[in-house]
Amino acid sequence: MIQSQMTERALELLNLPPGKPAMLLDIGCGSGLSGEILDDEGHIWVGVDIAPSMLGNSASPSPRTYV
């Protein structure tokens, strides 16, 4: 999937220290598909999007999800 490849490439470009979780802001997160990869990598993230309908269709709803 293109979205997962883009997320993995963005993490590569950020050059974050290995094994150390980072707090990341996903601006224009849409339904949160990138967040699943960030979760898998152990990062903490906050996603924001201008379209409430996209947030309502979150791919990875959690107790931390606010719409």
PDB file of N, CA and C in Angstrom:
ATOM      1  N   MET A   1       0.847  -1.187   0.000  1.00  0.00           N
ATOM      2  CA  MET A   1       0.000   0.000   0.000  1.00  0.00           C
ATOM      3  C   MET A   1       0.887   1.243   0.000  1.00  0.00           C
ATOM      4  N   ILE A   2       0.526   2.187  -0.813  1.00  0.00           N
ATOM      5  CA  ILE A   2       1.324   3.404  -0.949  1.00  0.00           C
ATOM      6  C   ILE A   2       1.425   4.165   0.370  1.00  0.00           C
ATOM      7  N   GLN A   3       0.326   4.245   1.112  1.00  0.00           N
ATOM      8  CA  GLN A   3       0.340   4.993   2.376  1.00  0.00           C
ATOM      9  C   GLN A   3       1.367   4.425   3.346  1.00  0.00           C
ATOM     10  N   SER A   4       1.448   3.115   3.450  1.00  0.00           N
ATOM     11  CA  SER A   4       2.420   2.516   4.380  1.00  0.00           C
ATOM     12  C   SER A   4       3.849   2.764   3.898  1.00  0.00           C
ATOM     13  N   GLN A   5       4.066   2.724   2.584  1.00  0.00           N
ATOM     14  CA  GLN A   5       5.402   3.005   2.050  1.00  0.00           C
ATOM     15  C   GLN A   5       5.801   4.452   2.320  1.00  0.00           C
ATOM     16  N   MET A   6       4.857   5.366   2.182  1.00  0.00           N
ATOM     17  CA  MET A   6       5.135   6.773   2.454  1.00  0.00           C
ATOM     18  C   MET A   6       5.462   6.995   3.924  1.00  0.00           C
ATOM     19  N   THR A   7       4.733   6.322   4.807  1.00  0.00           N
ATOM     20  CA  THR A   7       4.978   6.460   6.240  1.00  0.00           C
ATOM     21  C   THR A   7       6.347   5.907   6.607  1.00  0.00           C
ATOM     22  N   GLU A   8       6.671   4.741   6.086  1.00  0.00           N
ATOM     23  CA  GLU A   8       7.979   4.146   6.366  1.00  0.00           C
ATOM     24  C   GLU A   8       9.103   5.037   5.835  1.00  0.00           C
ATOM     25  N   ARG A   9       8.900   5.633   4.671  1.00  0.00           N
ATOM     26  CA  ARG A   9       9.911   6.533   4.114  1.00  0.00           C
ATOM     27  C   ARG A   9      10.050   7.794   4.963  1.00  0.00           C
ATOM     28  N   ALA A  10       8.925   8.328   5.444  1.00  0.00           N
ATOM     29  CA  ALA A  10       8.971   9.515   6.310  1.00  0.00           C
ATOM     30  C   ALA A  10       9.744   9.208   7.592  1.00  0.00           C
ATOM     31  N   LEU A  11       9.515   8.034   8.175  1.00  0.00           N
ATOM     32  CA  LEU A  11      10.260   7.645   9.378  1.00  0.00           C
ATOM     33  C   LEU A  11      11.752   7.524   9.073  1.00  0.00           C
ATOM     34  N   GLU A  12      12.059   6.999   7.922  1.00  0.00           N
ATOM     35  CA  GLU A  12      13.461   6.877   7.511  1.00  0.00           C
ATOM     36  C   GLU A  12      14.108   8.260   7.397  1.00  0.00           C
ATOM     37  N   LEU A  13      13.399   9.206   6.772  1.00  0.00           N
ATOM     38  CA  LEU A  13      13.930  10.554   6.599  1.00  0.00           C
ATOM     39  C   LEU A  13      14.065  11.306   7.923  1.00  0.00           C
ATOM     40  N   LEU A  14      13.193  10.999   8.885  1.00  0.00           N
ATOM     41  CA  LEU A  14      13.282  11.640  10.200  1.00  0.00           C
ATOM     42  C   LEU A  14      14.542  11.210  10.946  1.00  0.00           C
ATOM     43  N   ASN A  15      15.072  10.038  10.592  1.00  0.00           N
ATOM     44  CA  ASN A  15      16.309   9.545  11.189  1.00  0.00           C
ATOM     45  C   ASN A  15      16.247   9.551  12.722  1.00  0.00           C
ATOM     46  N   LEU A  16      15.156   9.010  13.256  1.00  0.00           N
ATOM     47  CA  LEU A  16      14.967   8.951  14.705  1.00  0.00           C
ATOM     48  C   LEU A  16      15.910   7.924  15.309  1.00  0.00           C
ATOM     49  N   PRO A  17      16.326   8.131  16.564  1.00  0.00           N
ATOM     50  CA  PRO A  17      17.201   7.153  17.209  1.00  0.00           C
ATOM     51  C   PRO A  17      16.499   5.795  17.320  1.00  0.00           C
ATOM     52  N   PRO A  18      17.182   4.718  16.952  1.00  0.00           N
ATOM     53  CA  PRO A  18      16.553   3.391  17.022  1.00  0.00           C
ATOM     54  C   PRO A  18      16.219   2.991  18.455  1.00  0.00           C
ATOM     55  N   GLY A  19      15.069   2.337  18.598  1.00  0.00           N
ATOM     56  CA  GLY A  19      14.657   1.818  19.903  1.00  0.00           C
ATOM     57  C   GLY A  19      14.180   2.860  20.888  1.00  0.00           C
ATOM     58  N   LYS A  20      14.061   4.103  20.457  1.00  0.00           N
ATOM     59  CA  LYS A  20      13.600   5.170  21.348  1.00  0.00           C
ATOM     60  C   LYS A  20      12.316   5.757  20.795  1.00  0.00           C
ATOM     61  N   PRO A  21      11.176   5.534  21.481  1.00  0.00           N
ATOM     62  CA  PRO A  21       9.899   6.072  20.986  1.00  0.00           C
ATOM     63  C   PRO A  21       9.939   7.595  20.894  1.00  0.00           C
ATOM     64  N   ALA A  22       9.272   8.111  19.879  1.00  0.00           N
ATOM     65  CA  ALA A  22       9.186   9.560  19.687  1.00  0.00           C
ATOM     66  C   ALA A  22       7.722   9.984  19.702  1.00  0.00           C
ATOM     67  N   MET A  23       7.499  11.236  20.062  1.00  0.00           N
ATOM     68  CA  MET A  23       6.170  11.828  19.993  1.00  0.00           C
ATOM     69  C   MET A  23       6.073  12.516  18.638  1.00  0.00           C
ATOM     70  N   LEU A  24       5.114  12.080  17.805  1.00  0.00           N
ATOM     71  CA  LEU A  24       5.003  12.582  16.440  1.00  0.00           C
ATOM     72  C   LEU A  24       3.633  13.211  16.202  1.00  0.00           C
ATOM     73  N   LEU A  25       3.607  14.235  15.372  1.00  0.00           N
ATOM     74  CA  LEU A  25       2.369  14.898  14.991  1.00  0.00           C
ATOM     75  C   LEU A  25       2.104  14.603  13.519  1.00  0.00           C
ATOM     76  N   ASP A  26       0.962  13.986  13.245  1.00  0.00           N
ATOM     77  CA  ASP A  26       0.564  13.660  11.873  1.00  0.00           C
ATOM     78  C   ASP A  26      -0.496  14.674  11.439  1.00  0.00           C
ATOM     79  N   ILE A  27      -0.054  15.688  10.716  1.00  0.00           N
ATOM     80  CA  ILE A  27      -0.972  16.733  10.249  1.00  0.00           C
ATOM     81  C   ILE A  27      -1.591  16.277   8.935  1.00  0.00           C
ATOM     82  N   GLY A  28      -2.918  16.268   8.892  1.00  0.00           N
ATOM     83  CA  GLY A  28      -3.621  15.742   7.722  1.00  0.00           C
ATOM     84  C   GLY A  28      -3.661  14.228   7.774  1.00  0.00           C
ATOM     85  N   CYS A  29      -3.953  13.690   8.956  1.00  0.00           N
ATOM     86  CA  CYS A  29      -3.866  12.246   9.199  1.00  0.00           C
ATOM     87  C   CYS A  29      -4.951  11.437   8.490  1.00  0.00           C
ATOM     88  N   GLY A  30      -6.002  12.108   8.016  1.00  0.00           N
ATOM     89  CA  GLY A  30      -7.075  11.357   7.358  1.00  0.00           C
ATOM     90  C   GLY A  30      -7.680  10.347   8.320  1.00  0.00           C
ATOM     91  N   SER A  31      -7.780   9.110   7.872  1.00  0.00           N
ATOM     92  CA  SER A  31      -8.387   8.076   8.723  1.00  0.00           C
ATOM     93  C   SER A  31      -7.374   7.394   9.640  1.00  0.00           C
ATOM     94  N   GLY A  32      -6.132   7.849   9.633  1.00  0.00           N
ATOM     95  CA  GLY A  32      -5.147   7.337  10.582  1.00  0.00           C
ATOM     96  C   GLY A  32      -4.363   6.122  10.123  1.00  0.00           C
ATOM     97  N   LEU A  33      -4.319   5.844   8.838  1.00  0.00           N
ATOM     98  CA  LEU A  33      -3.593   4.673   8.357  1.00  0.00           C
ATOM     99  C   LEU A  33      -2.112   4.721   8.733  1.00  0.00           C
ATOM    100  N   SER A  34      -1.514   5.900   8.685  1.00  0.00           N
ATOM    101  CA  SER A  34      -0.105   6.024   9.066  1.00  0.00           C
ATOM    102  C   SER A  34       0.094   5.729  10.544  1.00  0.00           C
ATOM    103  N   GLY A  35      -0.918   6.043  11.331  1.00  0.00           N
ATOM    104  CA  GLY A  35      -0.823   5.816  12.777  1.00  0.00           C
ATOM    105  C   GLY A  35      -0.621   4.366  13.144  1.00  0.00           C
ATOM    106  N   GLU A  36      -1.182   3.465  12.370  1.00  0.00           N
ATOM    107  CA  GLU A  36      -0.990   2.044  12.646  1.00  0.00           C
ATOM    108  C   GLU A  36       0.485   1.678  12.550  1.00  0.00           C
ATOM    109  N   ILE A  37       1.164   2.220  11.565  1.00  0.00           N
ATOM    110  CA  ILE A  37       2.596   1.948  11.405  1.00  0.00           C
ATOM    111  C   ILE A  37       3.380   2.612  12.530  1.00  0.00           C
ATOM    112  N   LEU A  38       3.010   3.833  12.877  1.00  0.00           N
ATOM    113  CA  LEU A  38       3.688   4.520  13.978  1.00  0.00           C
ATOM    114  C   LEU A  38       3.517   3.738  15.274  1.00  0.00           C
ATOM    115  N   ASP A  39       2.312   3.221  15.516  1.00  0.00           N
ATOM    116  CA  ASP A  39       2.073   2.372  16.696  1.00  0.00           C
ATOM    117  C   ASP A  39       2.969   1.144  16.663  1.00  0.00           C
ATOM    118  N   ASP A  40       3.014   0.480  15.513  1.00  0.00           N
ATOM    119  CA  ASP A  40       3.828  -0.731  15.372  1.00  0.00           C
ATOM    120  C   ASP A  40       5.303  -0.459  15.633  1.00  0.00           C
ATOM    121  N   GLU A  41       5.749   0.745  15.307  1.00  0.00           N
ATOM    122  CA  GLU A  41       7.150   1.119  15.516  1.00  0.00           C
ATOM    123  C   GLU A  41       7.406   1.601  16.940  1.00  0.00           C
ATOM    124  N   GLY A  42       6.334   1.658  17.758  1.00  0.00           N
ATOM    125  CA  GLY A  42       6.486   2.044  19.164  1.00  0.00           C
ATOM    126  C   GLY A  42       6.409   3.536  19.432  1.00  0.00           C
ATOM    127  N   HIS A  43       6.004   4.311  18.452  1.00  0.00           N
ATOM    128  CA  HIS A  43       5.935   5.761  18.629  1.00  0.00           C
ATOM    129  C   HIS A  43       4.575   6.183  19.183  1.00  0.00           C
ATOM    130  N   ILE A  44       4.566   7.327  19.794  1.00  0.00           N
ATOM    131  CA  ILE A  44       3.340   7.965  20.277  1.00  0.00           C
ATOM    132  C   ILE A  44       3.013   9.040  19.248  1.00  0.00           C
ATOM    133  N   TRP A  45       1.756   9.111  18.845  1.00  0.00           N
ATOM    134  CA  TRP A  45       1.425  10.078  17.801  1.00  0.00           C
ATOM    135  C   TRP A  45       0.081  10.718  18.050  1.00  0.00           C
ATOM    136  N   VAL A  46      -0.038  11.910  17.507  1.00  0.00           N
ATOM    137  CA  VAL A  46      -1.292  12.658  17.541  1.00  0.00           C
ATOM    138  C   VAL A  46      -1.605  13.008  16.091  1.00  0.00           C
ATOM    139  N   GLY A  47      -2.820  12.705  15.670  1.00  0.00           N
ATOM    140  CA  GLY A  47      -3.227  13.008  14.315  1.00  0.00           C
ATOM    141  C   GLY A  47      -4.292  14.086  14.307  1.00  0.00           C
ATOM    142  N   VAL A  48      -4.169  15.021  13.384  1.00  0.00           N
ATOM    143  CA  VAL A  48      -5.178  16.063  13.212  1.00  0.00           C
ATOM    144  C   VAL A  48      -5.557  16.126  11.734  1.00  0.00           C
ATOM    145  N   ASP A  49      -6.819  16.406  11.510  1.00  0.00           N
ATOM    146  CA  ASP A  49      -7.304  16.532  10.136  1.00  0.00           C
ATOM    147  C   ASP A  49      -8.435  17.539  10.125  1.00  0.00           C
ATOM    148  N   ILE A  50      -8.540  18.299   9.048  1.00  0.00           N
ATOM    149  CA  ILE A  50      -9.572  19.326   8.935  1.00  0.00           C
ATOM    150  C   ILE A  50     -10.966  18.716   8.720  1.00  0.00           C
ATOM    151  N   ALA A  51     -11.005  17.473   8.235  1.00  0.00           N
ATOM    152  CA  ALA A  51     -12.285  16.824   7.916  1.00  0.00           C
ATOM    153  C   ALA A  51     -12.727  15.900   9.051  1.00  0.00           C
ATOM    154  N   PRO A  52     -13.722  16.316   9.840  1.00  0.00           N
ATOM    155  CA  PRO A  52     -14.204  15.465  10.932  1.00  0.00           C
ATOM    156  C   PRO A  52     -14.663  14.085  10.458  1.00  0.00           C
ATOM    157  N   SER A  53     -15.175  14.017   9.241  1.00  0.00           N
ATOM    158  CA  SER A  53     -15.637  12.718   8.741  1.00  0.00           C
ATOM    159  C   SER A  53     -14.480  11.730   8.602  1.00  0.00           C
ATOM    160  N   MET A  54     -13.304  12.215   8.267  1.00  0.00           N
ATOM    161  CA  MET A  54     -12.137  11.335   8.167  1.00  0.00           C
ATOM    162  C   MET A  54     -11.746  10.813   9.545  1.00  0.00           C
ATOM    163  N   LEU A  55     -11.773  11.677  10.535  1.00  0.00           N
ATOM    164  CA  LEU A  55     -11.434  11.256  11.890  1.00  0.00           C
ATOM    165  C   LEU A  55     -12.457  10.257  12.417  1.00  0.00           C
ATOM    166  N   GLY A  56     -13.705  10.440  12.024  1.00  0.00           N
ATOM    167  CA  GLY A  56     -14.757   9.515  12.438  1.00  0.00           C
ATOM    168  C   GLY A  56     -14.589   8.135  11.838  1.00  0.00           C
ATOM    169  N   ASN A  57     -13.855   8.047  10.730  1.00  0.00           N
ATOM    170  CA  ASN A  57     -13.587   6.768  10.078  1.00  0.00           C
ATOM    171  C   ASN A  57     -12.201   6.258  10.417  1.00  0.00           C
ATOM    172  N   SER A  58     -11.722   6.622  11.579  1.00  0.00           N
ATOM    173  CA  SER A  58     -10.370   6.283  11.981  1.00  0.00           C
ATOM    174  C   SER A  58     -10.076   4.801  11.787  1.00  0.00           C
ATOM    175  N   ALA A  59      -8.923   4.508  11.188  1.00  0.00           N
ATOM    176  CA  ALA A  59      -8.511   3.128  10.940  1.00  0.00           C
ATOM    177  C   ALA A  59      -8.090   2.438  12.228  1.00  0.00           C
ATOM    178  N   SER A  60      -7.676   3.214  13.213  1.00  0.00           N
ATOM    179  CA  SER A  60      -7.209   2.602  14.450  1.00  0.00           C
ATOM    180  C   SER A  60      -7.767   3.345  15.658  1.00  0.00           C
ATOM    181  N   PRO A  61      -9.101   3.248  15.866  1.00  0.00           N
ATOM    182  CA  PRO A  61      -9.659   3.944  17.031  1.00  0.00           C
ATOM    183  C   PRO A  61      -9.111   3.340  18.318  1.00  0.00           C
ATOM    184  N   SER A  62      -8.893   4.201  19.276  1.00  0.00           N
ATOM    185  CA  SER A  62      -8.381   3.754  20.566  1.00  0.00           C
ATOM    186  C   SER A  62      -9.001   4.621  21.641  1.00  0.00           C
ATOM    187  N   PRO A  63      -8.762   4.276  22.897  1.00  0.00           N
ATOM    188  CA  PRO A  63      -9.276   5.128  23.972  1.00  0.00           C
ATOM    189  C   PRO A  63      -8.726   6.541  23.913  1.00  0.00           C
ATOM    190  N   ARG A  64      -7.643   6.739  23.171  1.00  0.00           N
ATOM    191  CA  ARG A  64      -7.035   8.066  23.055  1.00  0.00           C
ATOM    192  C   ARG A  64      -7.599   8.844  21.868  1.00  0.00           C
ATOM    193  N   THR A  65      -8.534   8.288  21.135  1.00  0.00           N
ATOM    194  CA  THR A  65      -9.068   8.933  19.934  1.00  0.00           C
ATOM    195  C   THR A  65     -10.156   9.932  20.325  1.00  0.00           C
ATOM    196  N   TYR A  66      -9.982  11.175  19.869  1.00  0.00           N
ATOM    197  CA  TYR A  66     -10.965  12.215  20.120  1.00  0.00           C
ATOM    198  C   TYR A  66     -11.396  12.803  18.783  1.00  0.00           C
ATOM    199  N   VAL A  67     -12.670  12.954  18.611  1.00  0.00           N
ATOM    200  CA  VAL A  67     -13.175  13.528  17.361  1.00  0.00           C
ATOM    201  C   VAL A  67     -13.802  14.870  17.664  1.00  0.00           C
TER     202      VAL A  67
END
